[in-house]
Amino acid sequence: MSRIAPITAEHQSILECLGILQLIADRMEAGDFVDPQDVSTVLEFLRDVGCECLDGTEKLLLRPALQRA
């Protein structure tokens, strides 16, 4: 397995979560009820996984590239 594969899977999870957030926003714009807990859950996921994912990307790709430069 490539060193990039785990990052790609994490990024895919984030993209799917952003799709869910878009659906929630669409429902809100249409005037439909949206459970505030659903919004909180999506945002917490993005915060937790997003920060971890970005940190992992930095450690795996960015820092070594900067050290070589």
PDB file of N, CA and C in Angstrom:
ATOM      1  N   MET A   1       0.839  -1.192   0.000  1.00  0.00           N
ATOM      2  CA  MET A   1       0.000   0.000   0.000  1.00  0.00           C
ATOM      3  C   MET A   1       0.880   1.249   0.000  1.00  0.00           C
ATOM      4  N   SER A   2       0.523   2.185  -0.767  1.00  0.00           N
ATOM      5  CA  SER A   2       1.247   3.444  -0.876  1.00  0.00           C
ATOM      6  C   SER A   2       1.151   4.244   0.417  1.00  0.00           C
ATOM      7  N   ARG A   3       2.186   5.043   0.682  1.00  0.00           N
ATOM      8  CA  ARG A   3       2.146   5.916   1.858  1.00  0.00           C
ATOM      9  C   ARG A   3       1.034   6.944   1.745  1.00  0.00           C
ATOM     10  N   ILE A   4       0.578   7.221   0.534  1.00  0.00           N
ATOM     11  CA  ILE A   4      -0.452   8.227   0.297  1.00  0.00           C
ATOM     12  C   ILE A   4      -1.850   7.670   0.566  1.00  0.00           C
ATOM     13  N   ALA A   5      -2.041   6.371   0.473  1.00  0.00           N
ATOM     14  CA  ALA A   5      -3.376   5.763   0.579  1.00  0.00           C
ATOM     15  C   ALA A   5      -4.134   6.144   1.852  1.00  0.00           C
ATOM     16  N   PRO A   6      -3.528   6.089   3.045  1.00  0.00           N
ATOM     17  CA  PRO A   6      -4.307   6.476   4.234  1.00  0.00           C
ATOM     18  C   PRO A   6      -4.766   7.927   4.194  1.00  0.00           C
ATOM     19  N   ILE A   7      -3.941   8.800   3.648  1.00  0.00           N
ATOM     20  CA  ILE A   7      -4.333  10.203   3.545  1.00  0.00           C
ATOM     21  C   ILE A   7      -5.515  10.327   2.591  1.00  0.00           C
ATOM     22  N   THR A   8      -5.464   9.621   1.493  1.00  0.00           N
ATOM     23  CA  THR A   8      -6.539   9.672   0.517  1.00  0.00           C
ATOM     24  C   THR A   8      -7.851   9.216   1.140  1.00  0.00           C
ATOM     25  N   ALA A   9      -7.830   8.154   1.935  1.00  0.00           N
ATOM     26  CA  ALA A   9      -9.041   7.660   2.594  1.00  0.00           C
ATOM     27  C   ALA A   9      -9.584   8.701   3.572  1.00  0.00           C
ATOM     28  N   GLU A  10      -8.699   9.336   4.318  1.00  0.00           N
ATOM     29  CA  GLU A  10      -9.146  10.372   5.253  1.00  0.00           C
ATOM     30  C   GLU A  10      -9.735  11.552   4.503  1.00  0.00           C
ATOM     31  N   HIS A  11      -9.090  11.948   3.438  1.00  0.00           N
ATOM     32  CA  HIS A  11      -9.619  13.058   2.649  1.00  0.00           C
ATOM     33  C   HIS A  11     -10.978  12.702   2.053  1.00  0.00           C
ATOM     34  N   GLN A  12     -11.155  11.456   1.628  1.00  0.00           N
ATOM     35  CA  GLN A  12     -12.439  11.031   1.085  1.00  0.00           C
ATOM     36  C   GLN A  12     -13.532  11.127   2.142  1.00  0.00           C
ATOM     37  N   SER A  13     -13.217  10.751   3.378  1.00  0.00           N
ATOM     38  CA  SER A  13     -14.185  10.868   4.473  1.00  0.00           C
ATOM     39  C   SER A  13     -14.577  12.326   4.699  1.00  0.00           C
ATOM     40  N   ILE A  14     -13.606  13.201   4.616  1.00  0.00           N
ATOM     41  CA  ILE A  14     -13.890  14.630   4.794  1.00  0.00           C
ATOM     42  C   ILE A  14     -14.769  15.138   3.658  1.00  0.00           C
ATOM     43  N   LEU A  15     -14.469  14.728   2.432  1.00  0.00           N
ATOM     44  CA  LEU A  15     -15.291  15.155   1.301  1.00  0.00           C
ATOM     45  C   LEU A  15     -16.732  14.665   1.434  1.00  0.00           C
ATOM     46  N   GLU A  16     -16.908  13.438   1.892  1.00  0.00           N
ATOM     47  CA  GLU A  16     -18.255  12.911   2.094  1.00  0.00           C
ATOM     48  C   GLU A  16     -18.983  13.695   3.188  1.00  0.00           C
ATOM     49  N   CYS A  17     -18.261  14.042   4.229  1.00  0.00           N
ATOM     50  CA  CYS A  17     -18.860  14.825   5.310  1.00  0.00           C
ATOM     51  C   CYS A  17     -19.256  16.213   4.811  1.00  0.00           C
ATOM     52  N   LEU A  18     -18.442  16.798   3.959  1.00  0.00           N
ATOM     53  CA  LEU A  18     -18.800  18.097   3.385  1.00  0.00           C
ATOM     54  C   LEU A  18     -20.058  17.981   2.524  1.00  0.00           C
ATOM     55  N   GLY A  19     -20.225  16.850   1.856  1.00  0.00           N
ATOM     56  CA  GLY A  19     -21.450  16.610   1.099  1.00  0.00           C
ATOM     57  C   GLY A  19     -22.671  16.568   2.004  1.00  0.00           C
ATOM     58  N   ILE A  20     -22.514  15.934   3.159  1.00  0.00           N
ATOM     59  CA  ILE A  20     -23.609  15.894   4.138  1.00  0.00           C
ATOM     60  C   ILE A  20     -23.914  17.301   4.629  1.00  0.00           C
ATOM     61  N   LEU A  21     -22.875  18.068   4.900  1.00  0.00           N
ATOM     62  CA  LEU A  21     -23.069  19.446   5.347  1.00  0.00           C
ATOM     63  C   LEU A  21     -23.802  20.264   4.278  1.00  0.00           C
ATOM     64  N   GLN A  22     -23.496  20.011   3.006  1.00  0.00           N
ATOM     65  CA  GLN A  22     -24.193  20.699   1.918  1.00  0.00           C
ATOM     66  C   GLN A  22     -25.671  20.323   1.908  1.00  0.00           C
ATOM     67  N   LEU A  23     -25.977  19.046   2.121  1.00  0.00           N
ATOM     68  CA  LEU A  23     -27.382  18.614   2.188  1.00  0.00           C
ATOM     69  C   LEU A  23     -28.121  19.300   3.336  1.00  0.00           C
ATOM     70  N   ILE A  24     -27.453  19.418   4.469  1.00  0.00           N
ATOM     71  CA  ILE A  24     -28.051  20.104   5.620  1.00  0.00           C
ATOM     72  C   ILE A  24     -28.316  21.565   5.265  1.00  0.00           C
ATOM     73  N   ALA A  25     -27.338  22.214   4.636  1.00  0.00           N
ATOM     74  CA  ALA A  25     -27.501  23.619   4.246  1.00  0.00           C
ATOM     75  C   ALA A  25     -28.647  23.778   3.254  1.00  0.00           C
ATOM     76  N   ASP A  26     -28.752  22.846   2.308  1.00  0.00           N
ATOM     77  CA  ASP A  26     -29.845  22.901   1.329  1.00  0.00           C
ATOM     78  C   ASP A  26     -31.202  22.784   2.020  1.00  0.00           C
ATOM     79  N   ARG A  27     -31.292  21.892   2.997  1.00  0.00           N
ATOM     80  CA  ARG A  27     -32.553  21.731   3.732  1.00  0.00           C
ATOM     81  C   ARG A  27     -32.893  23.000   4.499  1.00  0.00           C
ATOM     82  N   MET A  28     -31.871  23.608   5.106  1.00  0.00           N
ATOM     83  CA  MET A  28     -32.111  24.840   5.856  1.00  0.00           C
ATOM     84  C   MET A  28     -32.582  25.947   4.924  1.00  0.00           C
ATOM     85  N   GLU A  29     -31.938  26.067   3.758  1.00  0.00           N
ATOM     86  CA  GLU A  29     -32.327  27.098   2.800  1.00  0.00           C
ATOM     87  C   GLU A  29     -33.749  26.884   2.293  1.00  0.00           C
ATOM     88  N   ALA A  30     -34.172  25.628   2.241  1.00  0.00           N
ATOM     89  CA  ALA A  30     -35.532  25.309   1.791  1.00  0.00           C
ATOM     90  C   ALA A  30     -36.558  25.509   2.901  1.00  0.00           C
ATOM     91  N   GLY A  31     -36.082  25.856   4.078  1.00  0.00           N
ATOM     92  CA  GLY A  31     -36.984  26.082   5.203  1.00  0.00           C
ATOM     93  C   GLY A  31     -37.374  24.817   5.941  1.00  0.00           C
ATOM     94  N   ASP A  32     -36.701  23.700   5.629  1.00  0.00           N
ATOM     95  CA  ASP A  32     -36.994  22.446   6.319  1.00  0.00           C
ATOM     96  C   ASP A  32     -36.313  22.421   7.677  1.00  0.00           C
ATOM     97  N   PHE A  33     -36.853  21.583   8.560  1.00  0.00           N
ATOM     98  CA  PHE A  33     -36.266  21.438   9.886  1.00  0.00           C
ATOM     99  C   PHE A  33     -34.953  20.679   9.795  1.00  0.00           C
ATOM    100  N   VAL A  34     -33.973  21.174  10.503  1.00  0.00           N
ATOM    101  CA  VAL A  34     -32.686  20.492  10.637  1.00  0.00           C
ATOM    102  C   VAL A  34     -32.385  20.394  12.125  1.00  0.00           C
ATOM    103  N   ASP A  35     -32.132  19.183  12.571  1.00  0.00           N
ATOM    104  CA  ASP A  35     -31.811  18.958  13.982  1.00  0.00           C
ATOM    105  C   ASP A  35     -30.452  19.590  14.286  1.00  0.00           C
ATOM    106  N   PRO A  36     -30.385  20.505  15.235  1.00  0.00           N
ATOM    107  CA  PRO A  36     -29.113  21.148  15.569  1.00  0.00           C
ATOM    108  C   PRO A  36     -28.028  20.146  15.967  1.00  0.00           C
ATOM    109  N   GLN A  37     -28.450  19.018  16.530  1.00  0.00           N
ATOM    110  CA  GLN A  37     -27.461  18.001  16.906  1.00  0.00           C
ATOM    111  C   GLN A  37     -26.785  17.406  15.667  1.00  0.00           C
ATOM    112  N   ASP A  38     -27.526  17.313  14.564  1.00  0.00           N
ATOM    113  CA  ASP A  38     -26.931  16.821  13.319  1.00  0.00           C
ATOM    114  C   ASP A  38     -25.833  17.769  12.841  1.00  0.00           C
ATOM    115  N   VAL A  39     -26.116  19.045  12.922  1.00  0.00           N
ATOM    116  CA  VAL A  39     -25.117  20.047  12.516  1.00  0.00           C
ATOM    117  C   VAL A  39     -23.892  19.950  13.418  1.00  0.00           C
ATOM    118  N   SER A  40     -24.118  19.839  14.715  1.00  0.00           N
ATOM    119  CA  SER A  40     -23.008  19.727  15.664  1.00  0.00           C
ATOM    120  C   SER A  40     -22.168  18.486  15.396  1.00  0.00           C
ATOM    121  N   THR A  41     -22.823  17.386  15.111  1.00  0.00           N
ATOM    122  CA  THR A  41     -22.105  16.137  14.852  1.00  0.00           C
ATOM    123  C   THR A  41     -21.210  16.256  13.624  1.00  0.00           C
ATOM    124  N   VAL A  42     -21.747  16.835  12.558  1.00  0.00           N
ATOM    125  CA  VAL A  42     -20.969  16.998  11.327  1.00  0.00           C
ATOM    126  C   VAL A  42     -19.790  17.937  11.566  1.00  0.00           C
ATOM    127  N   LEU A  43     -20.026  19.037  12.242  1.00  0.00           N
ATOM    128  CA  LEU A  43     -18.953  20.001  12.486  1.00  0.00           C
ATOM    129  C   LEU A  43     -17.881  19.425  13.412  1.00  0.00           C
ATOM    130  N   GLU A  44     -18.295  18.657  14.412  1.00  0.00           N
ATOM    131  CA  GLU A  44     -17.318  18.017  15.301  1.00  0.00           C
ATOM    132  C   GLU A  44     -16.473  17.011  14.530  1.00  0.00           C
ATOM    133  N   PHE A  45     -17.107  16.244  13.639  1.00  0.00           N
ATOM    134  CA  PHE A  45     -16.363  15.296  12.825  1.00  0.00           C
ATOM    135  C   PHE A  45     -15.336  16.034  11.973  1.00  0.00           C
ATOM    136  N   LEU A  46     -15.766  17.096  11.326  1.00  0.00           N
ATOM    137  CA  LEU A  46     -14.842  17.857  10.484  1.00  0.00           C
ATOM    138  C   LEU A  46     -13.693  18.431  11.303  1.00  0.00           C
ATOM    139  N   ARG A  47     -14.005  18.918  12.478  1.00  0.00           N
ATOM    140  CA  ARG A  47     -12.956  19.469  13.332  1.00  0.00           C
ATOM    141  C   ARG A  47     -11.971  18.380  13.739  1.00  0.00           C
ATOM    142  N   ASP A  48     -12.476  17.275  14.231  1.00  0.00           N
ATOM    143  CA  ASP A  48     -11.606  16.222  14.747  1.00  0.00           C
ATOM    144  C   ASP A  48     -10.825  15.520  13.645  1.00  0.00           C
ATOM    145  N   VAL A  49     -11.519  15.036  12.646  1.00  0.00           N
ATOM    146  CA  VAL A  49     -10.857  14.294  11.574  1.00  0.00           C
ATOM    147  C   VAL A  49     -10.078  15.240  10.677  1.00  0.00           C
ATOM    148  N   GLY A  50     -10.638  16.401  10.405  1.00  0.00           N
ATOM    149  CA  GLY A  50      -9.945  17.364   9.559  1.00  0.00           C
ATOM    150  C   GLY A  50      -8.620  17.804  10.144  1.00  0.00           C
ATOM    151  N   CYS A  51      -8.601  18.118  11.411  1.00  0.00           N
ATOM    152  CA  CYS A  51      -7.352  18.537  12.046  1.00  0.00           C
ATOM    153  C   CYS A  51      -6.342  17.397  12.058  1.00  0.00           C
ATOM    154  N   GLU A  52      -6.809  16.194  12.354  1.00  0.00           N
ATOM    155  CA  GLU A  52      -5.924  15.029  12.368  1.00  0.00           C
ATOM    156  C   GLU A  52      -5.379  14.753  10.969  1.00  0.00           C
ATOM    157  N   CYS A  53      -6.244  14.862   9.992  1.00  0.00           N
ATOM    158  CA  CYS A  53      -5.862  14.601   8.609  1.00  0.00           C
ATOM    159  C   CYS A  53      -4.835  15.627   8.133  1.00  0.00           C
ATOM    160  N   LEU A  54      -5.090  16.887   8.401  1.00  0.00           N
ATOM    161  CA  LEU A  54      -4.156  17.928   7.979  1.00  0.00           C
ATOM    162  C   LEU A  54      -2.819  17.793   8.689  1.00  0.00           C
ATOM    163  N   ASP A  55      -2.860  17.426   9.960  1.00  0.00           N
ATOM    164  CA  ASP A  55      -1.626  17.229  10.702  1.00  0.00           C
ATOM    165  C   ASP A  55      -0.843  16.055  10.120  1.00  0.00           C
ATOM    166  N   GLY A  56      -1.560  14.982   9.789  1.00  0.00           N
ATOM    167  CA  GLY A  56      -0.905  13.830   9.188  1.00  0.00           C
ATOM    168  C   GLY A  56      -0.313  14.153   7.833  1.00  0.00           C
ATOM    169  N   THR A  57      -1.027  14.917   7.050  1.00  0.00           N
ATOM    170  CA  THR A  57      -0.531  15.327   5.734  1.00  0.00           C
ATOM    171  C   THR A  57       0.737  16.156   5.891  1.00  0.00           C
ATOM    172  N   GLU A  58       0.713  17.060   6.843  1.00  0.00           N
ATOM    173  CA  GLU A  58       1.881  17.906   7.077  1.00  0.00           C
ATOM    174  C   GLU A  58       3.082  17.062   7.476  1.00  0.00           C
ATOM    175  N   LYS A  59       2.872  16.143   8.398  1.00  0.00           N
ATOM    176  CA  LYS A  59       3.984  15.320   8.876  1.00  0.00           C
ATOM    177  C   LYS A  59       4.516  14.404   7.779  1.00  0.00           C
ATOM    178  N   LEU A  60       3.625  13.866   6.969  1.00  0.00           N
ATOM    179  CA  LEU A  60       4.030  12.890   5.965  1.00  0.00           C
ATOM    180  C   LEU A  60       4.625  13.524   4.714  1.00  0.00           C
ATOM    181  N   LEU A  61       4.065  14.640   4.292  1.00  0.00           N
ATOM    182  CA  LEU A  61       4.471  15.215   3.007  1.00  0.00           C
ATOM    183  C   LEU A  61       5.180  16.550   3.113  1.00  0.00           C
ATOM    184  N   LEU A  62       4.614  17.448   3.862  1.00  0.00           N
ATOM    185  CA  LEU A  62       5.110  18.815   3.842  1.00  0.00           C
ATOM    186  C   LEU A  62       6.456  18.963   4.549  1.00  0.00           C
ATOM    187  N   ARG A  63       6.548  18.453   5.764  1.00  0.00           N
ATOM    188  CA  ARG A  63       7.798  18.615   6.502  1.00  0.00           C
ATOM    189  C   ARG A  63       8.986  17.976   5.799  1.00  0.00           C
ATOM    190  N   PRO A  64       8.874  16.724   5.316  1.00  0.00           N
ATOM    191  CA  PRO A  64      10.025  16.155   4.590  1.00  0.00           C
ATOM    192  C   PRO A  64      10.393  16.965   3.352  1.00  0.00           C
ATOM    193  N   ALA A  65       9.390  17.474   2.648  1.00  0.00           N
ATOM    194  CA  ALA A  65       9.662  18.289   1.461  1.00  0.00           C
ATOM    195  C   ALA A  65      10.408  19.564   1.842  1.00  0.00           C
ATOM    196  N   LEU A  66      10.002  20.171   2.949  1.00  0.00           N
ATOM    197  CA  LEU A  66      10.690  21.394   3.397  1.00  0.00           C
ATOM    198  C   LEU A  66      12.107  21.096   3.850  1.00  0.00           C
ATOM    199  N   GLN A  67      12.308  19.944   4.468  1.00  0.00           N
ATOM    200  CA  GLN A  67      13.653  19.591   4.921  1.00  0.00           C
ATOM    201  C   GLN A  67      14.584  19.332   3.744  1.00  0.00           C
ATOM    202  N   ARG A  68      14.041  18.801   2.636  1.00  0.00           N
ATOM    203  CA  ARG A  68      14.857  18.553   1.446  1.00  0.00           C
ATOM    204  C   ARG A  68      15.177  19.851   0.710  1.00  0.00           C
ATOM    205  N   ALA A  69      14.357  20.855   0.899  1.00  0.00           N
ATOM    206  CA  ALA A  69      14.520  22.104   0.143  1.00  0.00           C
ATOM    207  C   ALA A  69      15.689  22.929   0.652  1.00  0.00           C
TER     208      ALA A  69
END
